[in-house]
Protein backbone atom coordinates (compact mmCIF):
# COMPACT_ATOMS: atom_id res chain seq x y z
CA MET A 1 81.61 16.76 76.46
CA PRO A 2 80.43 20.38 76.03
CA ALA A 3 82.83 23.09 77.20
CA ARG A 4 80.41 24.36 79.86
CA ASP A 5 80.26 20.92 81.50
CA ARG A 6 83.98 20.56 81.94
CA LYS A 7 85.63 23.85 82.79
CA TYR A 8 89.25 22.77 82.85
CA SER A 9 92.10 24.98 81.83
CA ALA A 10 95.83 24.44 81.65
CA LYS A 11 95.81 25.10 85.40
CA GLY A 12 93.35 22.29 86.15
CA PRO A 13 89.67 22.03 87.09
CA ALA A 14 87.48 24.98 88.01
CA SER A 15 86.52 25.38 91.66
CA GLU A 16 82.87 24.64 90.80
CA ILE A 17 81.03 21.86 89.03
CA HIS A 18 77.41 21.87 87.82
CA LEU A 19 75.42 18.65 88.15
CA ARG A 20 71.93 20.03 87.52
CA ARG A 21 69.72 18.10 85.12
CA LEU A 22 71.81 14.94 85.42
CA THR A 23 70.51 11.59 86.59
CA ALA A 24 71.81 10.35 89.94
CA ASP A 25 74.11 7.85 88.19
CA GLU A 26 75.50 10.48 85.81
CA ALA A 27 76.05 12.89 88.70
CA ILE A 28 77.91 10.31 90.80
CA LEU A 29 80.30 9.49 87.95
CA LYS A 30 80.94 13.14 87.16
CA LEU A 31 81.36 14.03 90.86
CA GLU A 32 83.87 11.22 91.43
CA GLN A 33 86.04 12.31 88.51
CA TYR A 34 85.80 15.97 89.51
CA LEU A 35 86.81 15.35 93.15
CA ASN A 36 89.83 13.35 92.04
CA ASP A 37 90.84 16.05 89.55
CA ALA A 38 90.33 18.84 92.10
CA PHE A 39 92.43 17.01 94.69
CA MET A 40 95.23 16.35 92.21
CA ALA A 41 95.16 20.04 91.22
CA GLY A 42 95.64 21.00 94.86
CA LEU A 43 92.26 22.68 95.38
CA SER A 44 91.25 22.89 99.03
CA GLN A 45 87.61 23.90 98.55
CA VAL A 46 85.14 23.27 95.75
CA SER A 47 81.49 24.02 95.11
CA ILE A 48 79.07 21.37 93.83
CA VAL A 49 76.01 22.92 92.17
CA HIS A 50 73.17 20.40 92.22
CA GLY A 51 70.17 22.72 92.17
CA LYS A 52 67.22 22.82 94.52
CA GLY A 53 64.47 20.86 92.74
CA THR A 54 63.10 17.97 94.77
CA GLY A 55 66.32 17.57 96.74
CA THR A 56 67.05 14.11 95.35
CA LEU A 57 70.26 15.10 93.60
CA ARG A 58 71.45 17.01 96.69
CA GLN A 59 70.83 13.90 98.78
CA VAL A 60 72.72 11.63 96.36
CA VAL A 61 75.65 14.07 96.20
CA GLN A 62 75.88 14.39 99.97
CA GLU A 63 75.69 10.61 100.43
CA GLN A 64 78.67 10.28 98.12
CA LEU A 65 80.57 13.07 99.87
CA ALA A 66 79.97 11.48 103.29
CA LYS A 67 81.92 8.38 102.31
CA HIS A 68 84.48 9.86 99.92
CA PRO A 69 88.09 9.55 101.15
CA LEU A 70 89.17 12.93 99.69
CA VAL A 71 86.41 14.90 101.45
CA LYS A 72 87.30 16.48 104.78
CA SER A 73 83.91 18.14 105.30
CA TYR A 74 80.94 19.58 103.44
CA ARG A 75 78.01 21.93 104.06
CA LEU A 76 75.15 23.53 102.19
CA GLY A 77 75.92 26.81 100.52
CA GLU A 78 75.11 30.02 102.32
CA TYR A 79 73.59 33.20 100.89
CA GLY A 80 75.70 34.15 97.89
CA GLU A 81 77.08 30.60 97.52
CA GLY A 82 73.95 29.04 96.03
CA GLY A 83 72.03 28.31 99.23
CA THR A 84 70.50 24.84 99.32
CA GLY A 85 71.22 24.48 95.59
CA ALA A 86 74.94 24.03 96.23
CA THR A 87 77.20 22.10 98.54
CA ILE A 88 80.58 23.51 99.60
CA VAL A 89 83.25 20.85 100.04
CA GLN A 90 86.55 21.01 101.93
CA LEU A 91 89.03 18.51 100.51
CA VAL A 92 91.71 16.79 102.57
CA PRO A 93 95.13 18.45 102.30
CA ARG A 94 97.39 17.05 99.62
């Protein structure tokens, strides 16, 4: 996996993941792994960058977030956070 796709350091996952240009199935798999890693690393908030495009990837991501047990809440990004091209996720406390 290219370094830009998986920005993990010795401290754990980055607070942001990019899912642009992935198929829905690829994005779901990558999102699931990332949320688990972020939770285990103790992150409380993460940013999911899915891009604007047709909105299909955003919809798929938010459907997954709505039923994910580690997700406390989520919202679209605001100005400076990626707008509708990103979703900001609050994870449940560890």
